[in-house]
Amino acid sequence: MTLLLMNAAQSAKWKCVSPFAVLEELEELVRAVSVYEFLRQEPMPGGFHDNGQFITQVHDRLIERIDDEVRTSMGWSMSDVISNSSNATSPRCRVG
């Protein structure tokens, strides 16, 4: 994990350590099945040992967290978004 974090920190694609850089490094890690024995374990019910699913879930939770923080910083709540979803005007277009 230390090497993974160091690789993420040195990624030419990102200017700083980014959760997205860490996720990319995790994706690289799980492709190294021939190197790490623990990656060869068969996935079990409930997602245990399902490395790809784990990365997808972490990515989805990260996106949800970013979305929540952006909405909060702009003064929006999910109830605003849901109540306006049937209207032609989205909360992004509201003034005031």
Protein backbone atom coordinates (compact mmCIF):
# COMPACT_ATOMS: atom_id res chain seq x y z
CA MET A 1 0.00 0.00 0.00
CA THR A 2 2.88 2.35 0.71
CA LEU A 3 4.25 1.80 -2.79
CA LEU A 4 0.77 2.29 -4.24
CA LEU A 5 0.43 5.64 -2.46
CA MET A 6 3.92 6.70 -3.55
CA ASN A 7 3.09 5.82 -7.15
CA ALA A 8 -0.14 7.80 -6.91
CA ALA A 9 1.77 10.79 -5.52
CA GLN A 10 4.27 10.66 -8.39
CA SER A 11 1.72 10.21 -11.16
CA ALA A 12 2.40 12.49 -14.12
CA LYS A 13 -1.35 12.65 -14.78
CA TRP A 14 -2.16 14.39 -11.48
CA LYS A 15 -0.52 17.49 -9.97
CA CYS A 16 -0.91 16.23 -6.41
CA VAL A 17 -2.02 13.15 -4.54
CA SER A 18 -5.57 12.68 -5.67
CA PRO A 19 -8.13 10.06 -4.71
CA PHE A 20 -8.46 9.46 -8.43
CA ALA A 21 -4.74 8.74 -8.69
CA VAL A 22 -5.06 6.26 -5.82
CA LEU A 23 -8.01 4.57 -7.56
CA GLU A 24 -5.97 4.29 -10.77
CA GLU A 25 -3.14 2.68 -8.84
CA LEU A 26 -5.59 0.26 -7.21
CA GLU A 27 -6.85 -0.69 -10.67
CA GLU A 28 -3.24 -1.38 -11.70
CA LEU A 29 -2.73 -3.46 -8.56
CA VAL A 30 -5.73 -5.72 -9.13
CA ARG A 31 -4.54 -6.43 -12.66
CA ALA A 32 -1.32 -7.91 -11.21
CA VAL A 33 -2.99 -11.25 -10.48
CA SER A 34 0.17 -13.20 -11.30
CA VAL A 35 2.17 -11.20 -8.74
CA TYR A 36 -0.13 -11.27 -5.71
CA GLU A 37 -1.70 -14.52 -4.55
CA PHE A 38 -4.49 -12.80 -2.61
CA LEU A 39 -5.82 -11.42 -5.90
CA ARG A 40 -6.39 -14.97 -7.17
CA GLN A 41 -9.03 -15.77 -4.57
CA GLU A 42 -12.43 -16.42 -6.03
CA PRO A 43 -15.04 -13.75 -5.26
CA MET A 44 -17.55 -14.84 -2.65
CA PRO A 45 -21.21 -13.89 -2.17
CA GLY A 46 -21.63 -10.37 -0.89
CA GLY A 47 -18.62 -9.08 -2.80
CA PHE A 48 -15.91 -10.48 -0.55
CA HIS A 49 -12.68 -10.88 -2.58
CA ASP A 50 -14.28 -9.08 -5.55
CA ASN A 51 -11.50 -6.56 -6.12
CA GLY A 52 -13.03 -4.88 -9.15
CA GLN A 53 -16.34 -4.40 -7.37
CA PHE A 54 -14.51 -2.90 -4.39
CA ILE A 55 -12.82 -0.30 -6.57
CA THR A 56 -16.13 0.51 -8.28
CA GLN A 57 -17.85 0.96 -4.92
CA VAL A 58 -15.06 3.22 -3.64
CA HIS A 59 -15.22 5.29 -6.83
CA ASP A 60 -19.01 5.62 -6.57
CA ARG A 61 -18.81 6.68 -2.92
CA LEU A 62 -16.14 9.24 -3.80
CA ILE A 63 -18.33 10.72 -6.53
CA GLU A 64 -21.32 10.82 -4.15
CA ARG A 65 -19.21 12.60 -1.53
CA ILE A 66 -17.96 15.16 -4.04
CA ASP A 67 -21.50 15.70 -5.31
CA ASP A 68 -22.78 16.19 -1.74
CA GLU A 69 -20.00 18.68 -0.94
CA VAL A 70 -20.63 20.67 -4.12
CA ARG A 71 -24.38 20.77 -3.48
CA THR A 72 -23.84 21.81 0.15
CA SER A 73 -21.37 24.53 -0.80
CA MET A 74 -23.92 25.94 -3.24
CA GLY A 75 -26.75 25.78 -0.72
CA TRP A 76 -28.60 22.94 -2.43
CA SER A 77 -30.07 19.94 -0.74
CA MET A 78 -31.25 16.69 -2.27
CA SER A 79 -34.83 17.70 -1.47
CA ASP A 80 -34.35 20.80 -3.67
CA VAL A 81 -33.11 18.63 -6.51
CA ILE A 82 -35.88 16.04 -6.13
CA SER A 83 -38.68 18.61 -5.84
CA ASN A 84 -37.43 20.46 -8.92
CA SER A 85 -36.72 17.38 -11.03
CA SER A 86 -40.23 17.45 -12.49
CA ASN A 87 -39.96 21.16 -13.34
CA ALA A 88 -38.46 22.35 -16.61
CA THR A 89 -36.02 24.53 -14.70
CA SER A 90 -33.32 22.68 -12.77
CA PRO A 91 -31.88 24.01 -9.49
CA ARG A 92 -28.75 24.92 -11.45
CA CYS A 93 -30.73 27.53 -13.35
CA ARG A 94 -32.49 29.10 -10.40
CA VAL A 95 -31.51 32.59 -9.36
CA GLY A 96 -31.83 33.75 -5.80
